[in-house]
Every structure is written in structure tokens, then in C-alpha cells.
PDB file of N, CA and C in Angstrom:
ATOM      1  N   MET A   1     116.720  98.049  88.274  1.00  0.00           N
ATOM      2  CA  MET A   1     115.894  97.552  89.352  1.00  0.00           C
ATOM      3  C   MET A   1     115.366  98.696  90.217  1.00  0.00           C
ATOM      4  N   LYS A   2     116.267  99.679  90.542  1.00  0.00           N
ATOM      5  CA  LYS A   2     115.865 100.810  91.365  1.00  0.00           C
ATOM      6  C   LYS A   2     114.780 101.632  90.673  1.00  0.00           C
ATOM      7  N   ALA A   3     114.893 101.809  89.349  1.00  0.00           N
ATOM      8  CA  ALA A   3     113.890 102.574  88.599  1.00  0.00           C
ATOM      9  C   ALA A   3     112.534 101.883  88.667  1.00  0.00           C
ATOM     10  N   THR A   4     112.521 100.564  88.587  1.00  0.00           N
ATOM     11  CA  THR A   4     111.271  99.817  88.676  1.00  0.00           C
ATOM     12  C   THR A   4     110.660  99.979  90.060  1.00  0.00           C
ATOM     13  N   PHE A   5     111.487  99.898  91.099  1.00  0.00           N
ATOM     14  CA  PHE A   5     110.998 100.073  92.465  1.00  0.00           C
ATOM     15  C   PHE A   5     110.397 101.461  92.644  1.00  0.00           C
ATOM     16  N   ASN A   6     111.099 102.510  92.166  1.00  0.00           N
ATOM     17  CA  ASN A   6     110.580 103.878  92.279  1.00  0.00           C
ATOM     18  C   ASN A   6     109.266 104.028  91.531  1.00  0.00           C
ATOM     19  N   SER A   7     109.138 103.389  90.365  1.00  0.00           N
ATOM     20  CA  SER A   7     107.896 103.450  89.601  1.00  0.00           C
ATOM     21  C   SER A   7     106.743 102.815  90.382  1.00  0.00           C
ATOM     22  N   ILE A   8     107.008 101.666  90.981  1.00  0.00           N
ATOM     23  CA  ILE A   8     105.978 100.990  91.782  1.00  0.00           C
ATOM     24  C   ILE A   8     105.630 101.834  92.999  1.00  0.00           C
ATOM     25  N   LEU A   9     106.661 102.381  93.665  1.00  0.00           N
ATOM     26  CA  LEU A   9     106.434 103.229  94.828  1.00  0.00           C
ATOM     27  C   LEU A   9     105.588 104.443  94.458  1.00  0.00           C
ATOM     28  N   ASN A  10     105.874 105.064  93.326  1.00  0.00           N
ATOM     29  CA  ASN A  10     105.105 106.242  92.906  1.00  0.00           C
ATOM     30  C   ASN A  10     103.650 105.879  92.639  1.00  0.00           C
ATOM     31  N   ARG A  11     103.391 104.717  92.049  1.00  0.00           N
ATOM     32  CA  ARG A  11     102.005 104.295  91.815  1.00  0.00           C
ATOM     33  C   ARG A  11     101.276 104.056  93.125  1.00  0.00           C
ATOM     34  N   ILE A  12     101.961 103.452  94.090  1.00  0.00           N
ATOM     35  CA  ILE A  12     101.352 103.225  95.404  1.00  0.00           C
ATOM     36  C   ILE A  12     101.073 104.556  96.088  1.00  0.00           C
ATOM     37  N   CYS A  13     102.042 105.467  96.048  1.00  0.00           N
ATOM     38  CA  CYS A  13     101.867 106.794  96.655  1.00  0.00           C
ATOM     39  C   CYS A  13     100.671 107.508  96.045  1.00  0.00           C
ATOM     40  N   ASN A  14     100.548 107.463  94.723  1.00  0.00           N
ATOM     41  CA  ASN A  14      99.414 108.115  94.068  1.00  0.00           C
ATOM     42  C   ASN A  14      98.096 107.490  94.489  1.00  0.00           C
ATOM     43  N   ALA A  15      98.071 106.175  94.602  1.00  0.00           N
ATOM     44  CA  ALA A  15      96.832 105.500  94.998  1.00  0.00           C
ATOM     45  C   ALA A  15      96.429 105.892  96.416  1.00  0.00           C
ATOM     46  N   LEU A  16      97.396 106.040  97.304  1.00  0.00           N
ATOM     47  CA  LEU A  16      97.097 106.342  98.701  1.00  0.00           C
ATOM     48  C   LEU A  16      96.971 107.823  99.004  1.00  0.00           C
ATOM     49  N   PHE A  17      97.795 108.663  98.345  1.00  0.00           N
ATOM     50  CA  PHE A  17      97.900 110.056  98.766  1.00  0.00           C
ATOM     51  C   PHE A  17      97.642 111.079  97.677  1.00  0.00           C
ATOM     52  N   GLY A  18      97.464 110.682  96.436  1.00  0.00           N
ATOM     53  CA  GLY A  18      97.481 111.635  95.346  1.00  0.00           C
ATOM     54  C   GLY A  18      96.175 112.263  94.953  1.00  0.00           C
ATOM     55  N   ASP A  19      95.171 112.296  95.813  1.00  0.00           N
ATOM     56  CA  ASP A  19      93.919 112.870  95.347  1.00  0.00           C
ATOM     57  C   ASP A  19      93.522 114.169  96.041  1.00  0.00           C
ATOM     58  N   SER A  20      94.298 114.612  97.028  1.00  0.00           N
ATOM     59  CA  SER A  20      94.006 115.901  97.646  1.00  0.00           C
ATOM     60  C   SER A  20      95.285 116.518  98.202  1.00  0.00           C
ATOM     61  N   TRP A  21      95.317 117.836  98.260  1.00  0.00           N
ATOM     62  CA  TRP A  21      96.492 118.553  98.743  1.00  0.00           C
ATOM     63  C   TRP A  21      96.775 118.195 100.200  1.00  0.00           C
ATOM     64  N   ASP A  22      95.742 118.055 101.034  1.00  0.00           N
ATOM     65  CA  ASP A  22      95.960 117.694 102.436  1.00  0.00           C
ATOM     66  C   ASP A  22      96.644 116.341 102.564  1.00  0.00           C
ATOM     67  N   LYS A  23      96.247 115.384 101.742  1.00  0.00           N
ATOM     68  CA  LYS A  23      96.881 114.066 101.781  1.00  0.00           C
ATOM     69  C   LYS A  23      98.324 114.138 101.290  1.00  0.00           C
ATOM     70  N   VAL A  24      98.585 114.961 100.297  1.00  0.00           N
ATOM     71  CA  VAL A  24      99.948 115.130  99.797  1.00  0.00           C
ATOM     72  C   VAL A  24     100.829 115.729 100.894  1.00  0.00           C
ATOM     73  N   LEU A  25     100.335 116.764 101.584  1.00  0.00           N
ATOM     74  CA  LEU A  25     101.094 117.348 102.690  1.00  0.00           C
ATOM     75  C   LEU A  25     101.359 116.316 103.783  1.00  0.00           C
ATOM     76  N   TYR A  26     100.364 115.515 104.092  1.00  0.00           N
ATOM     77  CA  TYR A  26     100.521 114.467 105.101  1.00  0.00           C
ATOM     78  C   TYR A  26     101.629 113.496 104.689  1.00  0.00           C
ATOM     79  N   PHE A  27     101.598 113.071 103.430  1.00  0.00           N
ATOM     80  CA  PHE A  27     102.606 112.144 102.914  1.00  0.00           C
ATOM     81  C   PHE A  27     104.007 112.755 102.986  1.00  0.00           C
ATOM     82  N   ILE A  28     104.152 113.990 102.508  1.00  0.00           N
ATOM     83  CA  ILE A  28     105.462 114.646 102.496  1.00  0.00           C
ATOM     84  C   ILE A  28     105.986 114.802 103.920  1.00  0.00           C
ATOM     85  N   GLU A  29     105.139 115.225 104.830  1.00  0.00           N
ATOM     86  CA  GLU A  29     105.568 115.406 106.218  1.00  0.00           C
ATOM     87  C   GLU A  29     106.061 114.086 106.813  1.00  0.00           C
ATOM     88  N   ARG A  30     105.291 113.015 106.643  1.00  0.00           N
ATOM     89  CA  ARG A  30     105.680 111.720 107.207  1.00  0.00           C
ATOM     90  C   ARG A  30     106.951 111.178 106.549  1.00  0.00           C
ATOM     91  N   LEU A  31     107.028 111.273 105.223  1.00  0.00           N
ATOM     92  CA  LEU A  31     108.205 110.774 104.522  1.00  0.00           C
ATOM     93  C   LEU A  31     109.448 111.545 104.939  1.00  0.00           C
ATOM     94  N   ASP A  32     109.356 112.864 104.946  1.00  0.00           N
ATOM     95  CA  ASP A  32     110.509 113.694 105.291  1.00  0.00           C
ATOM     96  C   ASP A  32     110.963 113.440 106.726  1.00  0.00           C
ATOM     97  N   ASN A  33     110.025 113.338 107.662  1.00  0.00           N
ATOM     98  CA  ASN A  33     110.378 113.070 109.056  1.00  0.00           C
ATOM     99  C   ASN A  33     111.069 111.720 109.200  1.00  0.00           C
ATOM    100  N   ALA A  34     110.532 110.705 108.542  1.00  0.00           N
ATOM    101  CA  ALA A  34     111.113 109.365 108.638  1.00  0.00           C
ATOM    102  C   ALA A  34     112.518 109.330 108.056  1.00  0.00           C
ATOM    103  N   LEU A  35     112.705 109.935 106.889  1.00  0.00           N
ATOM    104  CA  LEU A  35     114.023 109.932 106.265  1.00  0.00           C
ATOM    105  C   LEU A  35     115.029 110.756 107.059  1.00  0.00           C
ATOM    106  N   ARG A  36     114.597 111.910 107.524  1.00  0.00           N
ATOM    107  CA  ARG A  36     115.495 112.778 108.305  1.00  0.00           C
ATOM    108  C   ARG A  36     115.963 112.032 109.569  1.00  0.00           C
ATOM    109  N   GLU A  37     115.037 111.342 110.238  1.00  0.00           N
ATOM    110  CA  GLU A  37     115.383 110.585 111.435  1.00  0.00           C
ATOM    111  C   GLU A  37     116.341 109.434 111.100  1.00  0.00           C
ATOM    112  N   LYS A  38     116.022 108.696 110.048  1.00  0.00           N
ATOM    113  CA  LYS A  38     116.862 107.561 109.636  1.00  0.00           C
ATOM    114  C   LYS A  38     118.292 108.009 109.346  1.00  0.00           C
ATOM    115  N   TYR A  39     118.439 109.053 108.552  1.00  0.00           N
ATOM    116  CA  TYR A  39     119.767 109.493 108.158  1.00  0.00           C
ATOM    117  C   TYR A  39     120.513 110.187 109.297  1.00  0.00           C
ATOM    118  N   SER A  40     119.806 110.950 110.116  1.00  0.00           N
ATOM    119  CA  SER A  40     120.501 111.633 111.215  1.00  0.00           C
ATOM    120  C   SER A  40     120.994 110.625 112.243  1.00  0.00           C
ATOM    121  N   GLU A  41     120.238 109.566 112.496  1.00  0.00           N
ATOM    122  CA  GLU A  41     120.697 108.521 113.425  1.00  0.00           C
ATOM    123  C   GLU A  41     121.959 107.845 112.910  1.00  0.00           C
ATOM    124  N   ALA A  42     122.077 107.740 111.584  1.00  0.00           N
ATOM    125  CA  ALA A  42     123.249 107.115 110.979  1.00  0.00           C
ATOM    126  C   ALA A  42     124.378 108.121 110.738  1.00  0.00           C
ATOM    127  N   GLY A  43     124.142 109.398 111.107  1.00  0.00           N
ATOM    128  CA  GLY A  43     125.158 110.423 110.916  1.00  0.00           C
ATOM    129  C   GLY A  43     125.351 110.813 109.460  1.00  0.00           C
ATOM    130  N   ILE A  44     124.311 110.648 108.660  1.00  0.00           N
ATOM    131  CA  ILE A  44     124.381 110.942 107.224  1.00  0.00           C
ATOM    132  C   ILE A  44     123.684 112.277 106.948  1.00  0.00           C
ATOM    133  N   LEU A  45     124.315 113.110 106.131  1.00  0.00           N
ATOM    134  CA  LEU A  45     123.692 114.376 105.738  1.00  0.00           C
ATOM    135  C   LEU A  45     122.472 114.095 104.870  1.00  0.00           C
ATOM    136  N   TYR A  46     121.408 114.900 105.059  1.00  0.00           N
ATOM    137  CA  TYR A  46     120.145 114.696 104.350  1.00  0.00           C
ATOM    138  C   TYR A  46     119.445 116.033 104.159  1.00  0.00           C
ATOM    139  N   PHE A  47     118.808 116.212 103.008  1.00  0.00           N
ATOM    140  CA  PHE A  47     117.895 117.332 102.810  1.00  0.00           C
ATOM    141  C   PHE A  47     116.903 116.966 101.714  1.00  0.00           C
ATOM    142  N   SER A  48     115.837 117.740 101.628  1.00  0.00           N
ATOM    143  CA  SER A  48     114.823 117.463 100.610  1.00  0.00           C
ATOM    144  C   SER A  48     114.351 118.753  99.968  1.00  0.00           C
ATOM    145  N   ILE A  49     113.820 118.604  98.771  1.00  0.00           N
ATOM    146  CA  ILE A  49     113.262 119.712  98.006  1.00  0.00           C
ATOM    147  C   ILE A  49     111.912 119.243  97.469  1.00  0.00           C
ATOM    148  N   VAL A  50     110.932 120.132  97.493  1.00  0.00           N
ATOM    149  CA  VAL A  50     109.615 119.817  96.944  1.00  0.00           C
ATOM    150  C   VAL A  50     109.372 120.752  95.772  1.00  0.00           C
ATOM    151  N   THR A  51     109.053 120.170  94.624  1.00  0.00           N
ATOM    152  CA  THR A  51     108.752 120.977  93.441  1.00  0.00           C
ATOM    153  C   THR A  51     107.372 120.622  92.918  1.00  0.00           C
ATOM    154  N   LEU A  52     106.832 121.531  92.140  1.00  0.00           N
ATOM    155  CA  LEU A  52     105.528 121.366  91.517  1.00  0.00           C
ATOM    156  C   LEU A  52     105.718 121.513  90.024  1.00  0.00           C
ATOM    157  N   GLU A  53     105.076 120.642  89.268  1.00  0.00           N
ATOM    158  CA  GLU A  53     105.263 120.613  87.823  1.00  0.00           C
ATOM    159  C   GLU A  53     103.909 120.463  87.130  1.00  0.00           C
ATOM    160  N   ASN A  54     103.744 121.190  86.045  1.00  0.00           N
ATOM    161  CA  ASN A  54     102.538 121.076  85.238  1.00  0.00           C
ATOM    162  C   ASN A  54     102.624 119.789  84.429  1.00  0.00           C
ATOM    163  N   SER A  55     101.699 118.869  84.667  1.00  0.00           N
ATOM    164  CA  SER A  55     101.735 117.574  83.978  1.00  0.00           C
ATOM    165  C   SER A  55     100.789 117.523  82.786  1.00  0.00           C
ATOM    166  N   GLY A  56     100.185 118.637  82.463  1.00  0.00           N
ATOM    167  CA  GLY A  56      99.265 118.692  81.335  1.00  0.00           C
ATOM    168  C   GLY A  56      97.837 118.489  81.788  1.00  0.00           C
ATOM    169  N   GLY A  57      96.933 119.036  81.013  1.00  0.00           N
ATOM    170  CA  GLY A  57      95.523 118.927  81.382  1.00  0.00           C
ATOM    171  C   GLY A  57      95.278 119.550  82.736  1.00  0.00           C
ATOM    172  N   GLY A  58      94.498 118.885  83.531  1.00  0.00           N
ATOM    173  CA  GLY A  58      94.165 119.395  84.851  1.00  0.00           C
ATOM    174  C   GLY A  58      94.978 118.768  85.953  1.00  0.00           C
ATOM    175  N   VAL A  59      96.165 118.233  85.628  1.00  0.00           N
ATOM    176  CA  VAL A  59      96.964 117.502  86.612  1.00  0.00           C
ATOM    177  C   VAL A  59      98.284 118.218  86.896  1.00  0.00           C
ATOM    178  N   ALA A  60      98.678 118.200  88.158  1.00  0.00           N
ATOM    179  CA  ALA A  60      99.987 118.703  88.581  1.00  0.00           C
ATOM    180  C   ALA A  60     100.725 117.564  89.268  1.00  0.00           C
ATOM    181  N   THR A  61     102.045 117.591  89.163  1.00  0.00           N
ATOM    182  CA  THR A  61     102.877 116.586  89.825  1.00  0.00           C
ATOM    183  C   THR A  61     103.682 117.260  90.926  1.00  0.00           C
ATOM    184  N   VAL A  62     103.579 116.710  92.127  1.00  0.00           N
ATOM    185  CA  VAL A  62     104.376 117.162  93.259  1.00  0.00           C
ATOM    186  C   VAL A  62     105.541 116.183  93.369  1.00  0.00           C
ATOM    187  N   ASN A  63     106.758 116.707  93.295  1.00  0.00           N
ATOM    188  CA  ASN A  63     107.970 115.895  93.399  1.00  0.00           C
ATOM    189  C   ASN A  63     108.643 116.148  94.740  1.00  0.00           C
ATOM    190  N   HIS A  64     108.829 115.097  95.510  1.00  0.00           N
ATOM    191  CA  HIS A  64     109.599 115.197  96.750  1.00  0.00           C
ATOM    192  C   HIS A  64     110.940 114.539  96.460  1.00  0.00           C
ATOM    193  N   SER A  65     111.971 115.349  96.257  1.00  0.00           N
ATOM    194  CA  SER A  65     113.311 114.840  95.971  1.00  0.00           C
ATOM    195  C   SER A  65     114.109 114.890  97.256  1.00  0.00           C
ATOM    196  N   HIS A  66     114.664 113.764  97.654  1.00  0.00           N
ATOM    197  CA  HIS A  66     115.486 113.743  98.853  1.00  0.00           C
ATOM    198  C   HIS A  66     116.896 113.322  98.485  1.00  0.00           C
ATOM    199  N   PHE A  67     117.827 113.988  99.142  1.00  0.00           N
ATOM    200  CA  PHE A  67     119.251 113.841  98.860  1.00  0.00           C
ATOM    201  C   PHE A  67     119.957 113.401 100.140  1.00  0.00           C
ATOM    202  N   TYR A  68     120.892 112.486  99.995  1.00  0.00           N
ATOM    203  CA  TYR A  68     121.666 112.038 101.138  1.00  0.00           C
ATOM    204  C   TYR A  68     123.055 111.634 100.676  1.00  0.00           C
ATOM    205  N   GLN A  69     123.979 111.631 101.622  1.00  0.00           N
ATOM    206  CA  GLN A  69     125.357 111.285 101.290  1.00  0.00           C
ATOM    207  C   GLN A  69     125.637 109.838 101.661  1.00  0.00           C
ATOM    208  N   GLU A  70     126.295 109.166 100.754  1.00  0.00           N
ATOM    209  CA  GLU A  70     126.721 107.793 101.002  1.00  0.00           C
ATOM    210  C   GLU A  70     128.115 107.621 100.414  1.00  0.00           C
ATOM    211  N   ASN A  71     129.057 107.236 101.253  1.00  0.00           N
ATOM    212  CA  ASN A  71     130.452 107.085 100.829  1.00  0.00           C
ATOM    213  C   ASN A  71     130.986 108.357 100.170  1.00  0.00           C
ATOM    214  N   GLY A  72     130.611 109.511 100.735  1.00  0.00           N
ATOM    215  CA  GLY A  72     131.090 110.787 100.230  1.00  0.00           C
ATOM    216  C   GLY A  72     130.411 111.273  98.958  1.00  0.00           C
ATOM    217  N   GLU A  73     129.442 110.530  98.453  1.00  0.00           N
ATOM    218  CA  GLU A  73     128.751 110.888  97.217  1.00  0.00           C
ATOM    219  C   GLU A  73     127.290 111.223  97.516  1.00  0.00           C
ATOM    220  N   TRP A  74     126.799 112.304  96.896  1.00  0.00           N
ATOM    221  CA  TRP A  74     125.400 112.677  97.069  1.00  0.00           C
ATOM    222  C   TRP A  74     124.523 111.818  96.170  1.00  0.00           C
ATOM    223  N   LEU A  75     123.470 111.243  96.737  1.00  0.00           N
ATOM    224  CA  LEU A  75     122.503 110.442  95.990  1.00  0.00           C
ATOM    225  C   LEU A  75     121.143 111.114  96.064  1.00  0.00           C
ATOM    226  N   LYS A  76     120.341 110.912  95.028  1.00  0.00           N
ATOM    227  CA  LYS A  76     119.017 111.531  94.954  1.00  0.00           C
ATOM    228  C   LYS A  76     117.972 110.457  94.689  1.00  0.00           C
ATOM    229  N   GLU A  77     116.851 110.543  95.416  1.00  0.00           N
ATOM    230  CA  GLU A  77     115.698 109.685  95.171  1.00  0.00           C
ATOM    231  C   GLU A  77     114.467 110.575  95.105  1.00  0.00           C
ATOM    232  N   ASN A  78     113.447 110.110  94.414  1.00  0.00           N
ATOM    233  CA  ASN A  78     112.230 110.904  94.227  1.00  0.00           C
ATOM    234  C   ASN A  78     110.988 110.121  94.616  1.00  0.00           C
ATOM    235  N   ALA A  79     110.014 110.845  95.095  1.00  0.00           N
ATOM    236  CA  ALA A  79     108.660 110.335  95.227  1.00  0.00           C
ATOM    237  C   ALA A  79     107.775 111.344  94.506  1.00  0.00           C
ATOM    238  N   LYS A  80     106.940 110.872  93.601  1.00  0.00           N
ATOM    239  CA  LYS A  80     106.077 111.762  92.822  1.00  0.00           C
ATOM    240  C   LYS A  80     104.621 111.462  93.112  1.00  0.00           C
ATOM    241  N   LEU A  81     103.855 112.523  93.232  1.00  0.00           N
ATOM    242  CA  LEU A  81     102.416 112.397  93.448  1.00  0.00           C
ATOM    243  C   LEU A  81     101.698 113.286  92.442  1.00  0.00           C
ATOM    244  N   ASP A  82     100.733 112.734  91.753  1.00  0.00           N
ATOM    245  CA  ASP A  82      99.905 113.494  90.823  1.00  0.00           C
ATOM    246  C   ASP A  82      98.582 113.819  91.499  1.00  0.00           C
ATOM    247  N   LEU A  83      98.099 115.026  91.259  1.00  0.00           N
ATOM    248  CA  LEU A  83      96.792 115.384  91.782  1.00  0.00           C
ATOM    249  C   LEU A  83      96.158 116.431  90.884  1.00  0.00           C
ATOM    250  N   PRO A  84      94.834 116.526  90.935  1.00  0.00           N
ATOM    251  CA  PRO A  84      94.154 117.538  90.132  1.00  0.00           C
ATOM    252  C   PRO A  84      94.593 118.939  90.555  1.00  0.00           C
ATOM    253  N   LYS A  85      94.820 119.808  89.577  1.00  0.00           N
ATOM    254  CA  LYS A  85      95.255 121.180  89.891  1.00  0.00           C
ATOM    255  C   LYS A  85      94.254 121.902  90.778  1.00  0.00           C
ATOM    256  N   ASP A  86      92.971 121.569  90.627  1.00  0.00           N
ATOM    257  CA  ASP A  86      91.981 122.264  91.441  1.00  0.00           C
ATOM    258  C   ASP A  86      92.061 121.872  92.920  1.00  0.00           C
ATOM    259  N   GLU A  87      92.871 120.871  93.262  1.00  0.00           N
ATOM    260  CA  GLU A  87      93.115 120.510  94.657  1.00  0.00           C
ATOM    261  C   GLU A  87      94.222 121.352  95.279  1.00  0.00           C
ATOM    262  N   LEU A  88      95.003 122.042  94.450  1.00  0.00           N
ATOM    263  CA  LEU A  88      96.074 122.898  94.956  1.00  0.00           C
ATOM    264  C   LEU A  88      95.498 124.187  95.527  1.00  0.00           C
ATOM    265  N   PRO A  89      96.126 124.733  96.563  1.00  0.00           N
ATOM    266  CA  PRO A  89      95.726 126.062  97.024  1.00  0.00           C
ATOM    267  C   PRO A  89      95.899 127.074  95.882  1.00  0.00           C
ATOM    268  N   ASN A  90      95.105 128.111  95.882  1.00  0.00           N
ATOM    269  CA  ASN A  90      95.142 129.118  94.813  1.00  0.00           C
ATOM    270  C   ASN A  90      96.537 129.670  94.571  1.00  0.00           C
ATOM    271  N   TYR A  91      97.272 129.986  95.647  1.00  0.00           N
ATOM    272  CA  TYR A  91      98.583 130.602  95.464  1.00  0.00           C
ATOM    273  C   TYR A  91      99.551 129.649  94.748  1.00  0.00           C
ATOM    274  N   LEU A  92      99.404 128.324  94.943  1.00  0.00           N
ATOM    275  CA  LEU A  92     100.260 127.379  94.230  1.00  0.00           C
ATOM    276  C   LEU A  92      99.839 127.235  92.768  1.00  0.00           C
ATOM    277  N   ARG A  93      98.538 127.296  92.509  1.00  0.00           N
ATOM    278  CA  ARG A  93      98.076 127.267  91.106  1.00  0.00           C
ATOM    279  C   ARG A  93      98.619 128.476  90.358  1.00  0.00           C
ATOM    280  N   GLU A  94      98.635 129.635  91.028  1.00  0.00           N
ATOM    281  CA  GLU A  94      99.168 130.844  90.404  1.00  0.00           C
ATOM    282  C   GLU A  94     100.663 130.715  90.139  1.00  0.00           C
ATOM    283  N   LYS A  95     101.416 130.170  91.092  1.00  0.00           N
ATOM    284  CA  LYS A  95     102.853 129.958  90.888  1.00  0.00           C
ATOM    285  C   LYS A  95     103.097 129.024  89.721  1.00  0.00           C
ATOM    286  N   LEU A  96     102.315 127.969  89.640  1.00  0.00           N
ATOM    287  CA  LEU A  96     102.476 126.988  88.571  1.00  0.00           C
ATOM    288  C   LEU A  96     102.150 127.600  87.217  1.00  0.00           C
ATOM    289  N   ALA A  97     101.103 128.412  87.168  1.00  0.00           N
ATOM    290  CA  ALA A  97     100.709 129.043  85.906  1.00  0.00           C
ATOM    291  C   ALA A  97     101.766 130.041  85.430  1.00  0.00           C
ATOM    292  N   ALA A  98     102.456 130.682  86.368  1.00  0.00           N
ATOM    293  CA  ALA A  98     103.458 131.687  86.008  1.00  0.00           C
ATOM    294  C   ALA A  98     104.822 131.084  85.704  1.00  0.00           C
ATOM    295  N   ALA A  99     105.000 129.816  86.030  1.00  0.00           N
ATOM    296  CA  ALA A  99     106.313 129.178  85.887  1.00  0.00           C
ATOM    297  C   ALA A  99     106.438 128.494  84.535  1.00  0.00           C
ATOM    298  N   PHE A 100     107.666 128.355  84.114  1.00  0.00           N
ATOM    299  CA  PHE A 100     107.973 127.568  82.925  1.00  0.00           C
ATOM    300  C   PHE A 100     108.725 126.344  83.419  1.00  0.00           C
ATOM    301  N   GLY A 101     108.068 125.203  83.449  1.00  0.00           N
ATOM    302  CA  GLY A 101     108.686 124.001  84.003  1.00  0.00           C
ATOM    303  C   GLY A 101     108.339 123.847  85.474  1.00  0.00           C
ATOM    304  N   GLU A 102     109.305 123.343  86.232  1.00  0.00           N
ATOM    305  CA  GLU A 102     109.088 123.100  87.653  1.00  0.00           C
ATOM    306  C   GLU A 102     109.242 124.375  88.465  1.00  0.00           C
ATOM    307  N   VAL A 103     108.527 124.426  89.576  1.00  0.00           N
ATOM    308  CA  VAL A 103     108.657 125.539  90.507  1.00  0.00           C
ATOM    309  C   VAL A 103     108.941 124.944  91.889  1.00  0.00           C
ATOM    310  N   ASP A 104     109.921 125.515  92.596  1.00  0.00           N
ATOM    311  CA  ASP A 104     110.295 125.045  93.927  1.00  0.00           C
ATOM    312  C   ASP A 104     109.252 125.539  94.928  1.00  0.00           C
ATOM    313  N   ILE A 105     108.625 124.608  95.628  1.00  0.00           N
ATOM    314  CA  ILE A 105     107.615 124.972  96.629  1.00  0.00           C
ATOM    315  C   ILE A 105     108.022 124.469  98.018  1.00  0.00           C
ATOM    316  N   THR A 106     109.309 124.200  98.213  1.00  0.00           N
ATOM    317  CA  THR A 106     109.787 123.673  99.492  1.00  0.00           C
ATOM    318  C   THR A 106     109.378 124.572 100.659  1.00  0.00           C
ATOM    319  N   ALA A 107     109.647 125.854 100.560  1.00  0.00           N
ATOM    320  CA  ALA A 107     109.329 126.785 101.644  1.00  0.00           C
ATOM    321  C   ALA A 107     107.822 126.849 101.888  1.00  0.00           C
ATOM    322  N   ASP A 108     107.022 126.793 100.811  1.00  0.00           N
ATOM    323  CA  ASP A 108     105.563 126.814 100.949  1.00  0.00           C
ATOM    324  C   ASP A 108     105.062 125.586 101.707  1.00  0.00           C
ATOM    325  N   VAL A 109     105.610 124.425 101.346  1.00  0.00           N
ATOM    326  CA  VAL A 109     105.203 123.180 101.992  1.00  0.00           C
ATOM    327  C   VAL A 109     105.613 123.197 103.466  1.00  0.00           C
ATOM    328  N   GLU A 110     106.837 123.635 103.743  1.00  0.00           N
ATOM    329  CA  GLU A 110     107.296 123.707 105.125  1.00  0.00           C
ATOM    330  C   GLU A 110     106.415 124.642 105.947  1.00  0.00           C
ATOM    331  N   ARG A 111     106.025 125.765 105.360  1.00  0.00           N
ATOM    332  CA  ARG A 111     105.155 126.731 106.048  1.00  0.00           C
ATOM    333  C   ARG A 111     103.783 126.112 106.337  1.00  0.00           C
ATOM    334  N   GLU A 112     103.216 125.415 105.351  1.00  0.00           N
ATOM    335  CA  GLU A 112     101.904 124.801 105.551  1.00  0.00           C
ATOM    336  C   GLU A 112     101.953 123.680 106.587  1.00  0.00           C
ATOM    337  N   ILE A 113     103.010 122.885 106.569  1.00  0.00           N
ATOM    338  CA  ILE A 113     103.143 121.809 107.556  1.00  0.00           C
ATOM    339  C   ILE A 113     103.296 122.396 108.957  1.00  0.00           C
ATOM    340  N   ALA A 114     104.101 123.454 109.089  1.00  0.00           N
ATOM    341  CA  ALA A 114     104.273 124.112 110.385  1.00  0.00           C
ATOM    342  C   ALA A 114     102.934 124.690 110.888  1.00  0.00           C
ATOM    343  N   ALA A 115     102.154 125.270 109.986  1.00  0.00           N
ATOM    344  CA  ALA A 115     100.861 125.830 110.366  1.00  0.00           C
ATOM    345  C   ALA A 115      99.909 124.725 110.823  1.00  0.00           C
ATOM    346  N   ARG A 116      99.946 123.571 110.143  1.00  0.00           N
ATOM    347  CA  ARG A 116      99.102 122.449 110.540  1.00  0.00           C
ATOM    348  C   ARG A 116      99.497 121.932 111.918  1.00  0.00           C
ATOM    349  N   LYS A 117     100.797 121.879 112.196  1.00  0.00           N
ATOM    350  CA  LYS A 117     101.273 121.400 113.499  1.00  0.00           C
ATOM    351  C   LYS A 117     100.836 122.336 114.624  1.00  0.00           C
ATOM    352  N   SER A 118     100.819 123.637 114.344  1.00  0.00           N
ATOM    353  CA  SER A 118     100.468 124.609 115.382  1.00  0.00           C
ATOM    354  C   SER A 118      98.988 124.557 115.742  1.00  0.00           C
ATOM    355  N   THR A 119      98.167 123.989 114.865  1.00  0.00           N
ATOM    356  CA  THR A 119      96.736 123.893 115.160  1.00  0.00           C
ATOM    357  C   THR A 119      96.347 122.532 115.730  1.00  0.00           C
ATOM    358  N   GLU A 120      97.309 121.600 115.781  1.00  0.00           N
ATOM    359  CA  GLU A 120      97.001 120.264 116.326  1.00  0.00           C
ATOM    360  C   GLU A 120      96.953 120.271 117.823  1.00  0.00           C
TER     361      GLU A 120
END
């Protein structure tokens, strides 16, 4: 059941946010803030990782994996967004081209979100 829900959620996320890098950053920022607030209010440990993966052709997949503790056990959930590679900033396209498999872009995303906040 959970796998079906995640599949539906990923399709909705792609429909709403998966066509430009700015929209992907907006989605990740809002999702991460909401989850961090939810878990911290409940006293639950939480962190997230953002990775980029070559999905073939001209498409890249951005994975937002979030981890939290429940009953002493770490659980992982994912939100995936597909977007055209040409929507990625050049430096991320270069990282993806040089990588074999997934590449961790958590620090890059955090830096870009912080830069966007400073200009608001």
C-alpha cells in the first residue's frame, strides 16, 4: 500500500513541480521545512539527502530521501522528480555526467536555497 501511495505521490509531484529546476528547488525547500517542523515538534530525529540520477535520454531524476526515527528504528521515504537535463544548472549537469549512478547534491541544493532566501 505504501509503495502505491509513493508512486501516486511521485506522479503528482512530477505534474506540479517536475518541469524546471526552480520548481524542484521550491518543492524540496517546502517539503523539507514541513517535515523538519513536523518531526522536531514530535521530538523525532530527522534528516534528508538529495541525489541526482541519470534517468536516460534527456531526463534526470532528483531524489529527496528523508529519514526519521520511529520506535528506535530509522525509516526512509522518497519523493522523486523527473526533469529535463537542460533545466539543471551547468555545474549539476557536469556532476551528473562525471558520476556513475547517483550523485549526492544535498549541499548544492542547500546552498541554492540559502541563496534564494537571501535575495527575497
